[in-house]
Amino acid sequence: MKLWKVAACLGAGAVCVVTGGLAAPAVGAAIGSTFMGLSGAAATSAGLAALGGGSLAAGGAGMAGGAALVSAVAGGVGVGATALATTLAEGEKSKKENRELRSRLRNANESEATKQVIIRQLNSKVERLQAELEAEKAKSDASAEKIKLLEEQIDDILDTISAEQTA
């Protein structure tokens, strides 16, 4: 991954963490009022504590944990959105470069030597993209195997629970 892309993702993530932290009380209040029937400061406190896994006395992370969760989720969304946006921008830039090279190849005024240089550039891009595609396919295959394993584990646990409940 390019350095500018990493920097953009980290910067966006940091901004979203701060924004998420500022929004945490509103999120806590929404949860406290919607799901718990509370209002005001009680709704905010209860909502954030619920997000934090319960009160400190009950063994949860409390309001601080809830605020941290909202900030972390916001940061993750920011990083993911920025990564997607920069990837799309890189793809558009690459398409534009390819169109320009194609246009130069079709230009009758270009010398044969120049056309050969362009063809070598295009072949180099194809090789790089094929290697990247193979790497992505390998990641996808590994993810599919892990997803299948997790689904099997969940089904096994649910079967155990079901058997215990009917016994």
Protein backbone atom coordinates (compact mmCIF):
# COMPACT_ATOMS: atom_id res chain seq x y z
CA MET A 1 0.00 0.00 0.00
CA LYS A 2 1.29 3.42 -0.88
CA LEU A 3 2.44 5.73 1.90
CA TRP A 4 0.01 8.52 0.97
CA LYS A 5 -2.86 6.03 1.12
CA VAL A 6 -1.82 4.81 4.58
CA ALA A 7 -1.49 8.41 5.78
CA ALA A 8 -4.92 9.31 4.38
CA CYS A 9 -6.53 6.28 6.05
CA LEU A 10 -4.91 6.98 9.41
CA GLY A 11 -5.80 10.67 9.25
CA ALA A 12 -9.43 9.94 8.39
CA GLY A 13 -9.55 7.30 11.11
CA ALA A 14 -8.22 9.77 13.69
CA VAL A 15 -10.76 12.40 12.66
CA CYS A 16 -13.57 9.86 12.90
CA VAL A 17 -12.41 8.64 16.32
CA VAL A 18 -12.57 12.21 17.63
CA THR A 19 -15.93 12.78 15.96
CA GLY A 20 -17.22 9.46 17.30
CA GLY A 21 -16.10 10.44 20.79
CA LEU A 22 -18.00 13.69 20.49
CA ALA A 23 -21.08 11.83 19.22
CA ALA A 24 -20.94 9.12 21.92
CA PRO A 25 -23.27 10.92 24.36
CA ALA A 26 -25.88 11.35 21.62
CA VAL A 27 -25.58 7.68 20.65
CA GLY A 28 -25.85 6.64 24.31
CA ALA A 29 -28.89 8.86 24.79
CA ALA A 30 -30.56 7.39 21.70
CA ILE A 31 -30.01 3.86 22.97
CA GLY A 32 -31.06 4.72 26.51
CA SER A 33 -34.27 6.39 25.42
CA THR A 34 -35.23 4.03 22.60
CA PHE A 35 -34.49 0.68 24.20
CA MET A 36 -34.64 1.46 27.91
CA GLY A 37 -37.41 4.05 28.08
CA LEU A 38 -35.23 6.55 29.95
CA SER A 39 -34.67 10.23 29.28
CA GLY A 40 -32.01 12.88 29.84
CA ALA A 41 -28.78 12.07 31.63
CA ALA A 42 -30.12 8.69 32.77
CA ALA A 43 -30.67 7.65 29.15
CA THR A 44 -27.17 8.77 28.18
CA SER A 45 -25.53 6.99 31.11
CA ALA A 46 -27.51 3.79 30.70
CA GLY A 47 -27.04 3.71 26.92
CA LEU A 48 -23.27 4.18 27.10
CA ALA A 49 -22.98 1.65 29.93
CA ALA A 50 -24.98 -0.87 27.86
CA LEU A 51 -22.63 -0.35 24.92
CA GLY A 52 -19.71 -0.82 27.31
CA GLY A 53 -20.98 -4.24 28.36
CA GLY A 54 -22.68 -3.10 31.54
CA SER A 55 -21.77 -1.04 34.57
CA LEU A 56 -18.38 -1.25 36.21
CA ALA A 57 -20.02 -2.84 39.25
CA ALA A 58 -21.48 -5.58 37.05
CA GLY A 59 -18.09 -6.31 35.49
CA GLY A 60 -18.55 -4.29 32.31
CA ALA A 61 -16.52 -1.39 31.00
CA GLY A 62 -19.23 1.14 31.90
CA MET A 63 -19.84 4.44 30.20
CA ALA A 64 -16.17 4.82 29.26
CA GLY A 65 -16.29 1.49 27.48
CA GLY A 66 -19.41 2.55 25.60
CA ALA A 67 -17.81 5.82 24.53
CA ALA A 68 -14.66 3.95 23.47
CA LEU A 69 -16.75 1.51 21.44
CA VAL A 70 -18.55 4.34 19.60
CA SER A 71 -15.20 6.03 18.90
CA ALA A 72 -13.62 2.79 17.69
CA VAL A 73 -16.51 2.00 15.37
CA ALA A 74 -16.42 5.53 13.96
CA GLY A 75 -12.67 5.24 13.42
CA GLY A 76 -13.06 1.89 11.67
CA VAL A 77 -15.74 3.30 9.40
CA GLY A 78 -13.51 6.27 8.59
CA VAL A 79 -10.51 4.10 7.75
CA GLY A 80 -12.62 1.72 5.66
CA ALA A 81 -14.34 4.50 3.74
CA THR A 82 -11.06 6.26 3.05
CA ALA A 83 -9.39 3.04 1.91
CA LEU A 84 -12.27 2.38 -0.47
CA ALA A 85 -12.25 5.95 -1.80
CA THR A 86 -8.50 5.98 -2.40
CA THR A 87 -8.67 2.57 -4.09
CA LEU A 88 -11.42 3.80 -6.40
CA ALA A 89 -9.42 6.95 -7.14
CA GLU A 90 -6.34 4.86 -7.99
CA GLY A 91 -8.46 2.71 -10.28
CA GLU A 92 -9.81 5.74 -12.13
CA LYS A 93 -6.31 7.17 -12.49
CA SER A 94 -5.08 3.87 -13.90
CA LYS A 95 -7.97 3.71 -16.38
CA LYS A 96 -7.15 7.23 -17.57
CA GLU A 97 -3.48 6.31 -18.05
CA ASN A 98 -4.51 3.21 -20.00
CA ARG A 99 -6.79 5.27 -22.29
CA GLU A 100 -3.94 7.70 -22.96
CA LEU A 101 -1.55 4.86 -23.81
CA ARG A 102 -4.17 3.25 -26.06
CA SER A 103 -4.66 6.57 -27.85
CA ARG A 104 -0.91 6.94 -28.36
CA LEU A 105 -0.71 3.41 -29.78
CA ARG A 106 -3.44 4.19 -32.29
CA ASN A 107 -1.76 7.44 -33.29
CA ALA A 108 -0.27 6.98 -36.74
CA ASN A 109 2.38 9.63 -36.04
CA GLU A 110 4.08 7.61 -33.29
CA SER A 111 7.26 5.79 -34.32
CA GLU A 112 7.48 2.02 -34.11
CA ALA A 113 10.09 2.34 -31.36
CA THR A 114 7.73 4.50 -29.28
CA LYS A 115 4.91 2.02 -29.84
CA GLN A 116 7.15 -0.82 -28.64
CA VAL A 117 7.96 1.13 -25.45
CA ILE A 118 4.24 1.65 -24.83
CA ILE A 119 3.53 -2.04 -25.41
CA ARG A 120 6.26 -2.98 -22.90
CA GLN A 121 4.71 -0.57 -20.37
CA LEU A 122 1.30 -2.15 -20.88
CA ASN A 123 2.70 -5.68 -20.56
CA SER A 124 4.41 -4.68 -17.31
CA LYS A 125 1.08 -3.35 -15.99
CA VAL A 126 -0.66 -6.58 -16.98
CA GLU A 127 1.91 -8.68 -15.11
CA ARG A 128 1.62 -6.48 -11.99
CA LEU A 129 -2.19 -6.60 -12.08
CA GLN A 130 -2.22 -10.37 -12.59
CA ALA A 131 0.04 -10.85 -9.56
CA GLU A 132 -2.20 -8.55 -7.50
CA LEU A 133 -5.30 -10.43 -8.69
CA GLU A 134 -3.80 -13.78 -7.69
CA ALA A 135 -2.94 -12.41 -4.24
CA GLU A 136 -6.50 -11.14 -3.78
CA LYS A 137 -7.92 -14.49 -4.91
CA ALA A 138 -5.73 -16.28 -2.36
CA LYS A 139 -6.98 -13.96 0.40
CA SER A 140 -10.56 -14.54 -0.70
CA ASP A 141 -10.12 -18.32 -0.66
CA ALA A 142 -8.61 -18.18 2.83
CA SER A 143 -11.52 -16.02 4.00
CA ALA A 144 -14.06 -18.42 2.52
CA GLU A 145 -12.46 -21.34 4.38
CA LYS A 146 -12.46 -19.39 7.66
CA ILE A 147 -16.11 -18.36 7.15
CA LYS A 148 -17.08 -21.99 6.58
CA LEU A 149 -15.21 -23.09 9.72
CA LEU A 150 -16.87 -20.38 11.82
CA GLU A 151 -20.32 -21.32 10.48
CA GLU A 152 -19.68 -24.95 11.40
CA GLN A 153 -18.62 -23.95 14.93
CA ILE A 154 -21.72 -21.80 15.38
CA ASP A 155 -23.98 -24.61 14.13
CA ASP A 156 -22.28 -27.06 16.52
CA ILE A 157 -22.79 -24.73 19.49
CA LEU A 158 -26.42 -24.10 18.54
CA ASP A 159 -26.99 -27.86 18.27
CA THR A 160 -25.51 -28.30 21.76
CA ILE A 161 -27.77 -25.57 23.16
CA SER A 162 -30.82 -27.02 21.42
CA ALA A 163 -30.07 -30.52 22.73
CA GLU A 164 -29.71 -29.18 26.30
CA GLN A 165 -32.94 -27.20 26.12
CA THR A 166 -34.96 -30.20 24.92
CA ALA A 167 -33.44 -32.54 27.52
